[in-house]
N, C-alpha and C. Protein backbone atom coordinates (compact mmCIF):
# COMPACT_ATOMS: atom_id res chain seq x y z
N MET A 1 1.19 -1.21 -0.08
CA MET A 1 0.02 -0.02 -0.09
C MET A 1 1.05 1.29 0.00
N THR A 2 0.82 2.52 -0.92
CA THR A 2 1.20 3.23 -1.13
C THR A 2 0.97 4.21 0.30
N PRO A 3 1.79 4.89 0.68
CA PRO A 3 1.12 5.85 1.58
C PRO A 3 1.05 7.40 0.96
N THR A 4 -0.36 7.70 1.64
CA THR A 4 -1.22 8.89 1.60
C THR A 4 0.27 10.26 1.51
N LEU A 5 0.46 10.91 0.30
CA LEU A 5 1.56 12.16 0.14
C LEU A 5 0.67 13.02 -0.04
N PRO A 6 1.13 14.45 0.98
CA PRO A 6 0.75 16.06 0.84
C PRO A 6 -0.46 16.17 -0.27
N ALA A 7 -1.22 16.97 0.11
CA ALA A 7 -1.14 17.49 -1.32
C ALA A 7 -0.68 18.93 -1.95
N TYR A 8 -1.30 18.70 -3.41
CA TYR A 8 -0.51 19.52 -4.28
C TYR A 8 -0.62 20.86 -4.10
N ASP A 9 0.11 21.43 -3.81
CA ASP A 9 -0.05 23.69 -3.31
C ASP A 9 0.06 24.31 -4.36
N PRO A 10 -1.41 24.34 -5.22
CA PRO A 10 -0.79 25.27 -6.59
C PRO A 10 -0.01 26.16 -6.33
N GLY A 11 0.43 26.78 -5.54
CA GLY A 11 0.90 27.90 -5.16
C GLY A 11 2.04 27.91 -5.16
N ASN A 12 3.03 26.51 -5.96
CA ASN A 12 4.44 26.42 -5.59
C ASN A 12 5.15 27.01 -6.95
N VAL A 13 6.06 27.73 -7.16
CA VAL A 13 6.77 28.69 -7.73
C VAL A 13 6.58 27.78 -9.93
N PHE A 14 6.84 26.56 -9.84
CA PHE A 14 6.62 26.18 -11.13
C PHE A 14 5.44 25.91 -11.13
N ALA A 15 4.32 25.70 -10.93
CA ALA A 15 2.65 25.87 -11.47
C ALA A 15 3.16 27.83 -11.08
N ARG A 16 3.02 28.76 -10.58
CA ARG A 16 3.03 29.84 -11.10
C ARG A 16 3.69 30.63 -12.09
N ILE A 17 4.69 29.60 -12.10
CA ILE A 17 5.29 29.44 -14.25
C ILE A 17 4.34 29.10 -14.83
N LEU A 18 3.85 28.67 -14.41
CA LEU A 18 3.07 27.48 -15.69
C LEU A 18 1.88 28.32 -16.05
N ARG A 19 1.53 29.24 -15.19
CA ARG A 19 0.16 30.42 -15.35
C ARG A 19 0.53 31.70 -15.50
N GLY A 20 1.98 31.97 -15.74
CA GLY A 20 2.51 33.11 -16.78
C GLY A 20 2.62 34.55 -15.35
N GLU A 21 2.23 33.77 -13.89
CA GLU A 21 2.36 34.69 -12.67
C GLU A 21 3.83 35.10 -12.38
N LEU A 22 5.03 34.01 -12.84
CA LEU A 22 6.07 34.28 -12.74
C LEU A 22 6.81 34.66 -13.90
N PRO A 23 8.11 35.28 -13.91
CA PRO A 23 8.69 34.99 -15.37
C PRO A 23 9.49 34.05 -15.25
N SER A 24 10.20 33.31 -16.49
CA SER A 24 11.05 32.26 -16.68
C SER A 24 12.11 32.63 -18.29
N GLN A 25 12.88 31.67 -18.40
CA GLN A 25 13.65 31.51 -19.69
C GLN A 25 13.04 30.31 -19.95
N THR A 26 11.93 30.08 -20.76
CA THR A 26 11.83 29.10 -22.04
C THR A 26 12.69 28.85 -23.24
N VAL A 27 12.80 27.67 -22.65
CA VAL A 27 14.04 26.69 -23.96
C VAL A 27 12.49 26.18 -25.13
N PHE A 28 11.69 25.41 -24.38
CA PHE A 28 11.25 24.72 -25.23
C PHE A 28 9.78 24.03 -24.12
N GLU A 29 8.82 24.07 -25.03
CA GLU A 29 7.54 24.24 -24.73
C GLU A 29 6.61 22.99 -25.74
N ASP A 30 5.21 22.27 -24.40
CA ASP A 30 4.74 21.75 -26.43
C ASP A 30 3.24 21.29 -25.01
N GLU A 31 2.70 20.58 -25.55
CA GLU A 31 1.31 20.38 -24.86
C GLU A 31 0.83 20.19 -23.44
N GLU A 32 2.60 19.23 -23.43
CA GLU A 32 2.22 18.46 -21.88
C GLU A 32 3.47 18.81 -20.68
N THR A 33 4.74 19.56 -21.81
CA THR A 33 5.56 19.67 -20.68
C THR A 33 6.25 21.39 -20.90
N LEU A 34 6.84 22.16 -20.50
CA LEU A 34 7.96 23.10 -19.95
C LEU A 34 9.48 23.23 -20.09
N ALA A 35 10.46 23.52 -20.95
CA ALA A 35 11.35 23.71 -20.18
C ALA A 35 12.21 25.00 -20.30
N ILE A 36 12.62 24.86 -18.73
CA ILE A 36 13.15 26.26 -18.39
C ILE A 36 14.81 26.27 -18.13
N MET A 37 14.93 27.65 -18.05
CA MET A 37 16.64 27.83 -17.52
C MET A 37 16.54 27.72 -16.00
N ASP A 38 17.02 26.78 -15.36
CA ASP A 38 17.06 27.05 -13.46
C ASP A 38 17.97 27.93 -13.13
N ILE A 39 17.32 29.29 -12.58
CA ILE A 39 17.58 30.30 -12.11
C ILE A 39 19.26 30.65 -11.05
N MET A 40 19.59 29.30 -10.69
CA MET A 40 20.69 28.76 -9.75
C MET A 40 21.36 27.73 -10.35
N PRO A 41 21.88 28.21 -11.49
CA PRO A 41 22.36 27.44 -12.46
C PRO A 41 23.46 26.08 -11.08
N ARG A 42 23.98 25.12 -12.08
CA ARG A 42 25.35 24.60 -11.47
C ARG A 42 26.10 23.67 -12.63
N ALA A 43 25.35 23.87 -13.26
CA ALA A 43 26.61 24.24 -14.66
C ALA A 43 25.66 25.32 -15.68
N ASP A 44 26.38 25.72 -17.03
CA ASP A 44 25.91 26.34 -18.11
C ASP A 44 25.33 25.63 -18.96
N GLY A 45 24.05 25.74 -18.97
CA GLY A 45 22.66 24.93 -19.88
C GLY A 45 21.93 24.55 -18.56
N HIS A 46 22.55 24.76 -17.26
CA HIS A 46 21.18 23.73 -16.63
C HIS A 46 19.94 24.23 -16.57
N VAL A 47 19.61 22.92 -17.49
CA VAL A 47 17.13 22.68 -17.55
C VAL A 47 16.97 22.50 -16.87
N LEU A 48 15.27 22.82 -16.92
CA LEU A 48 14.43 21.91 -15.56
C LEU A 48 13.53 21.96 -17.04
N VAL A 49 12.85 20.53 -16.83
CA VAL A 49 11.74 20.07 -16.86
C VAL A 49 10.68 20.08 -16.37
N ILE A 50 9.70 20.59 -16.23
CA ILE A 50 8.84 19.99 -15.70
C ILE A 50 6.83 19.90 -16.74
N PRO A 51 5.90 18.78 -15.66
CA PRO A 51 5.13 18.46 -16.40
C PRO A 51 4.05 20.36 -16.34
N LYS A 52 3.32 19.84 -17.11
CA LYS A 52 2.25 20.19 -17.36
C LYS A 52 1.26 20.24 -16.26
N ALA A 53 1.06 19.23 -15.81
CA ALA A 53 0.13 18.08 -15.34
C ALA A 53 0.54 18.75 -13.42
N ALA A 54 -0.30 18.94 -12.62
CA ALA A 54 -0.36 19.35 -11.70
C ALA A 54 -0.35 18.01 -10.84
N CYS A 55 1.24 17.80 -10.16
CA CYS A 55 1.76 16.64 -9.57
C CYS A 55 2.90 17.22 -8.57
N ARG A 56 3.03 16.77 -7.44
CA ARG A 56 4.42 16.93 -6.65
C ARG A 56 5.55 16.11 -6.55
N ASN A 57 5.51 15.31 -7.39
CA ASN A 57 6.73 14.45 -7.92
C ASN A 57 6.73 13.55 -8.43
N LEU A 58 7.54 12.10 -9.20
CA LEU A 58 7.41 10.89 -9.37
C LEU A 58 6.39 10.16 -8.25
N LEU A 59 6.38 10.84 -7.25
CA LEU A 59 5.37 9.10 -7.01
C LEU A 59 4.12 9.33 -7.41
N ASP A 60 3.44 10.76 -7.04
CA ASP A 60 1.66 10.85 -8.08
C ASP A 60 1.49 11.71 -9.10
N ALA A 61 3.08 11.52 -9.79
CA ALA A 61 2.20 11.99 -11.02
C ALA A 61 1.69 11.43 -12.15
N PRO A 62 1.35 11.22 -13.40
CA PRO A 62 0.16 10.50 -13.90
C PRO A 62 1.11 10.25 -14.76
N PRO A 63 0.75 8.87 -15.58
CA PRO A 63 1.58 7.78 -16.21
C PRO A 63 2.06 8.90 -17.87
N ASP A 64 0.70 9.77 -18.13
CA ASP A 64 0.79 10.16 -19.26
C ASP A 64 2.13 11.99 -18.52
N ALA A 65 2.11 11.85 -17.63
CA ALA A 65 2.78 12.56 -17.72
C ALA A 65 4.20 12.47 -16.90
N LEU A 66 4.76 11.47 -16.87
CA LEU A 66 5.80 11.37 -16.39
C LEU A 66 6.56 10.30 -18.19
N LYS A 67 5.43 10.18 -18.77
CA LYS A 67 6.26 9.99 -20.39
C LYS A 67 6.15 11.27 -21.13
N ALA A 68 5.63 12.28 -20.94
CA ALA A 68 5.89 13.42 -20.85
C ALA A 68 7.33 13.83 -21.12
N VAL A 69 7.55 13.76 -19.80
CA VAL A 69 8.68 13.85 -19.08
C VAL A 69 10.01 13.63 -19.76
N ALA A 70 9.53 12.44 -19.90
CA ALA A 70 10.67 11.49 -20.14
C ALA A 70 11.18 11.84 -21.49
N LEU A 71 10.27 11.99 -22.39
CA LEU A 71 10.28 12.69 -23.24
C LEU A 71 11.41 13.43 -23.54
N THR A 72 10.62 14.33 -23.40
CA THR A 72 11.27 15.92 -23.07
C THR A 72 12.33 16.17 -22.54
N THR A 73 13.15 15.38 -21.22
CA THR A 73 13.86 15.56 -20.99
C THR A 73 15.01 14.73 -21.77
N GLN A 74 14.51 13.70 -22.88
CA GLN A 74 15.70 13.14 -23.24
C GLN A 74 15.79 14.40 -24.66
N ARG A 75 15.04 14.96 -25.39
CA ARG A 75 15.09 15.79 -26.38
C ARG A 75 15.87 16.93 -25.57
N LEU A 76 16.09 17.96 -24.79
CA LEU A 76 17.01 18.33 -23.96
C LEU A 76 18.34 18.36 -23.58
N SER A 77 18.13 16.87 -23.39
CA SER A 77 19.19 16.15 -23.10
C SER A 77 20.60 16.52 -24.27
N ARG A 78 19.53 15.86 -25.27
CA ARG A 78 20.70 15.95 -26.55
C ARG A 78 21.03 17.66 -26.60
N ALA A 79 20.38 18.16 -26.66
CA ALA A 79 20.13 19.53 -27.26
C ALA A 79 21.14 20.33 -26.13
N VAL A 80 21.28 19.73 -24.74
CA VAL A 80 21.68 20.80 -24.13
C VAL A 80 23.09 20.05 -24.28
N LYS A 81 23.43 18.81 -24.62
CA LYS A 81 24.66 18.31 -24.65
C LYS A 81 25.38 19.48 -26.40
N ALA A 82 24.68 19.41 -26.93
CA ALA A 82 25.26 19.82 -28.19
C ALA A 82 25.71 21.29 -28.19
N ALA A 83 24.43 22.08 -27.80
CA ALA A 83 24.39 23.90 -27.20
C ALA A 83 25.99 24.21 -26.61
N PHE A 84 26.32 22.73 -25.77
CA PHE A 84 27.47 23.51 -24.73
C PHE A 84 28.92 22.44 -24.82
N ALA A 85 28.75 21.98 -26.68
CA ALA A 85 29.72 21.10 -26.69
C ALA A 85 30.44 20.16 -25.26
N ALA A 86 29.47 19.25 -24.75
CA ALA A 86 29.14 18.77 -23.39
C ALA A 86 30.02 17.15 -23.78
N ASP A 87 30.26 16.55 -22.76
CA ASP A 87 30.86 15.23 -22.99
C ASP A 87 29.85 14.31 -22.91
N GLY A 88 28.82 15.11 -21.55
CA GLY A 88 27.90 13.96 -21.01
C GLY A 88 26.99 14.82 -20.69
N VAL A 89 25.60 14.25 -19.52
CA VAL A 89 24.81 15.13 -19.12
C VAL A 89 24.34 14.61 -18.46
N THR A 90 24.04 15.37 -17.15
CA THR A 90 23.58 14.56 -15.58
C THR A 90 22.06 14.78 -15.26
N ILE A 91 21.16 13.39 -15.27
CA ILE A 91 19.26 14.36 -15.36
C ILE A 91 19.82 13.54 -13.37
N GLN A 92 19.34 15.15 -12.95
CA GLN A 92 18.32 14.81 -11.63
C GLN A 92 17.08 15.04 -11.08
N GLN A 93 16.83 14.29 -10.15
CA GLN A 93 15.46 14.20 -10.40
C GLN A 93 14.96 13.30 -8.60
N PHE A 94 14.65 14.64 -7.98
CA PHE A 94 14.53 14.19 -6.99
C PHE A 94 12.85 14.28 -6.13
N ASN A 95 12.54 13.13 -5.33
CA ASN A 95 11.15 13.01 -4.89
C ASN A 95 11.29 13.60 -3.04
N GLU A 96 10.44 14.28 -2.31
CA GLU A 96 10.19 14.50 -1.39
C GLU A 96 11.40 14.99 -0.45
N ALA A 97 10.76 16.20 0.86
CA ALA A 97 11.86 16.44 0.94
C ALA A 97 13.46 15.41 2.14
N ALA A 98 12.54 14.67 2.21
CA ALA A 98 14.08 13.49 2.28
C ALA A 98 14.53 13.31 1.31
N GLY A 99 14.43 13.31 0.10
CA GLY A 99 15.05 12.62 -1.21
C GLY A 99 15.34 13.84 -1.48
N GLY A 100 15.37 15.03 -1.23
CA GLY A 100 16.05 16.08 -1.76
C GLY A 100 14.96 17.46 -2.56
N GLN A 101 13.79 16.80 -2.55
CA GLN A 101 13.35 17.87 -3.09
C GLN A 101 12.89 19.26 -2.23
N VAL A 102 12.85 20.63 -3.16
CA VAL A 102 12.32 21.67 -2.36
C VAL A 102 11.40 22.10 -2.96
N VAL A 103 11.35 22.00 -3.93
CA VAL A 103 9.67 22.80 -5.26
C VAL A 103 9.14 21.80 -4.90
N PHE A 104 8.02 21.91 -4.85
CA PHE A 104 6.85 20.73 -4.59
C PHE A 104 6.11 20.34 -5.94
N HIS A 105 6.34 20.28 -7.33
CA HIS A 105 6.17 20.41 -8.15
C HIS A 105 7.09 19.65 -8.76
N MET A 106 6.90 18.20 -9.82
CA MET A 106 7.91 17.95 -10.35
C MET A 106 9.01 18.39 -11.02
N HIS A 107 10.04 18.32 -10.98
CA HIS A 107 10.74 18.30 -12.21
C HIS A 107 12.13 17.98 -12.28
N VAL A 108 12.69 17.68 -13.35
CA VAL A 108 14.08 17.09 -13.50
C VAL A 108 14.96 18.39 -14.32
N HIS A 109 16.51 18.25 -13.52
CA HIS A 109 17.35 18.69 -14.07
C HIS A 109 18.07 17.81 -14.97
N VAL A 110 18.35 19.04 -16.16
CA VAL A 110 19.32 18.32 -16.99
C VAL A 110 20.54 19.42 -16.81
N MET A 111 21.49 18.84 -16.76
CA MET A 111 22.77 19.30 -17.02
C MET A 111 24.03 19.18 -17.83
N PRO A 112 24.16 19.26 -18.41
CA PRO A 112 25.29 19.45 -19.77
C PRO A 112 26.52 19.40 -18.36
N ARG A 113 27.22 17.95 -19.18
CA ARG A 113 29.12 17.97 -18.25
C ARG A 113 29.88 17.67 -19.20
N HIS A 114 31.22 18.48 -18.31
CA HIS A 114 32.73 18.04 -19.12
C HIS A 114 33.58 17.54 -18.59
N ALA A 115 34.42 16.78 -19.01
CA ALA A 115 34.89 15.63 -17.78
C ALA A 115 36.05 15.94 -17.46
N GLY A 116 36.21 16.42 -16.06
CA GLY A 116 36.93 16.67 -15.07
C GLY A 116 36.26 17.74 -14.54
N LEU A 117 35.17 18.45 -15.44
CA LEU A 117 34.94 19.32 -14.44
C LEU A 117 33.24 19.33 -13.38
N ALA A 118 33.67 19.54 -12.55
CA ALA A 118 32.73 19.28 -11.45
C ALA A 118 31.23 19.65 -11.17
N LEU A 119 30.23 19.91 -11.39
CA LEU A 119 29.24 20.88 -10.47
C LEU A 119 29.71 22.07 -10.23
N ARG A 120 28.76 23.42 -10.16
CA ARG A 120 29.48 23.91 -8.95
C ARG A 120 27.87 23.76 -7.70
N PRO A 121 28.55 24.40 -6.44
CA PRO A 121 27.68 23.72 -5.13
C PRO A 121 26.67 24.10 -5.76
N HIS A 122 25.13 24.67 -5.05
CA HIS A 122 23.75 25.27 -4.68
C HIS A 122 24.26 26.17 -4.26
N THR A 123 24.74 27.10 -4.04
CA THR A 123 24.74 28.01 -3.12
C THR A 123 23.01 29.10 -3.03
N GLY A 124 22.28 28.75 -3.98
CA GLY A 124 21.33 29.42 -3.48
C GLY A 124 21.19 31.29 -4.84
N ALA A 125 22.32 31.15 -5.26
CA ALA A 125 22.96 32.27 -6.05
C ALA A 125 21.95 32.77 -7.02
N MET A 126 21.73 33.45 -7.49
CA MET A 126 20.70 33.61 -8.70
C MET A 126 21.56 33.96 -9.78
N GLU A 127 21.73 33.79 -11.11
CA GLU A 127 22.22 33.92 -12.21
C GLU A 127 21.83 34.73 -13.09
N LYS A 128 22.93 36.15 -13.62
CA LYS A 128 22.17 37.34 -13.71
C LYS A 128 21.65 36.84 -14.75
N PRO A 129 20.14 37.64 -15.54
CA PRO A 129 19.05 37.48 -16.33
C PRO A 129 19.82 37.32 -17.67
N GLU A 130 20.85 38.41 -18.62
CA GLU A 130 21.61 38.03 -19.79
C GLU A 130 22.35 37.17 -19.67
N VAL A 131 22.55 36.48 -18.22
CA VAL A 131 23.65 35.11 -19.22
C VAL A 131 22.40 34.00 -19.12
N LEU A 132 21.45 34.14 -18.34
CA LEU A 132 20.66 32.47 -18.58
C LEU A 132 19.72 32.81 -20.25
N ALA A 133 19.55 34.01 -20.84
CA ALA A 133 18.76 34.41 -21.82
C ALA A 133 19.56 33.89 -22.89
N THR A 134 21.55 34.25 -23.06
CA THR A 134 22.18 33.65 -23.82
C THR A 134 22.35 32.28 -23.67
N ASN A 135 22.33 31.10 -22.55
CA ASN A 135 22.10 30.12 -22.73
C ASN A 135 21.06 29.66 -22.72
N ALA A 136 20.12 30.16 -23.09
CA ALA A 136 18.87 29.59 -23.39
C ALA A 136 18.79 29.83 -25.21
N GLU A 137 18.90 30.60 -25.99
CA GLU A 137 19.32 30.79 -27.10
C GLU A 137 20.04 29.63 -27.66
N LYS A 138 21.39 29.54 -27.14
CA LYS A 138 21.96 28.44 -27.33
C LYS A 138 21.06 26.97 -27.26
N ILE A 139 20.59 27.02 -26.76
CA ILE A 139 19.52 25.10 -26.23
C ILE A 139 18.70 25.93 -27.41
N ARG A 140 17.89 27.22 -27.57
CA ARG A 140 16.89 26.80 -28.99
C ARG A 140 17.41 26.57 -29.74
N ALA A 141 18.58 26.59 -30.08
CA ALA A 141 19.30 26.49 -31.15
C ALA A 141 19.75 25.69 -31.60
N ALA A 142 20.16 24.89 -30.60
CA ALA A 142 20.33 23.26 -31.04
C ALA A 142 19.22 22.42 -31.24
N LEU A 143 18.00 22.72 -30.10
CA LEU A 143 16.63 22.59 -30.69
C LEU A 143 16.30 22.68 -32.03
N ARG A 144 16.76 23.38 -32.68
CA ARG A 144 16.16 24.23 -34.69
C ARG A 144 16.59 23.30 -34.84
N SER A 145 18.00 22.68 -35.17
CA SER A 145 19.18 22.34 -35.88
C SER A 145 19.10 20.81 -35.92
N GLY A 146 18.53 20.47 -34.38
CA GLY A 146 18.86 19.01 -34.25
C GLY A 146 17.42 18.02 -34.34
């Protein structure tokens, strides 16, 4: 039997971004998902893939949302790898506070990686908007050519 999860909070930051109440640097959008730049990136090109469905995380996500997020994650992984001439890609997804989740709307981190270069620590420092815009355009260009 699956334990009961807390209710979805429609006031979370990603729900507000999806409703257009908060700004974001969008790199990709389709009917079921949105991919945006992480404002506190651990690597240049760090993107978040979120479902448009209201779900806290993988534990309560509907199957169609999981499928859509997986497909968009694959697409964005290819694009960030190409856009940043990366050697690989790190994918992270956290579930519940004990699992490291901070924002309770399902999201997947996609980070291009270069051999021998560690991820930046998560300090809470926000990246300059112009840097995020430049990185977003690199990814959009990779999506167009990919």
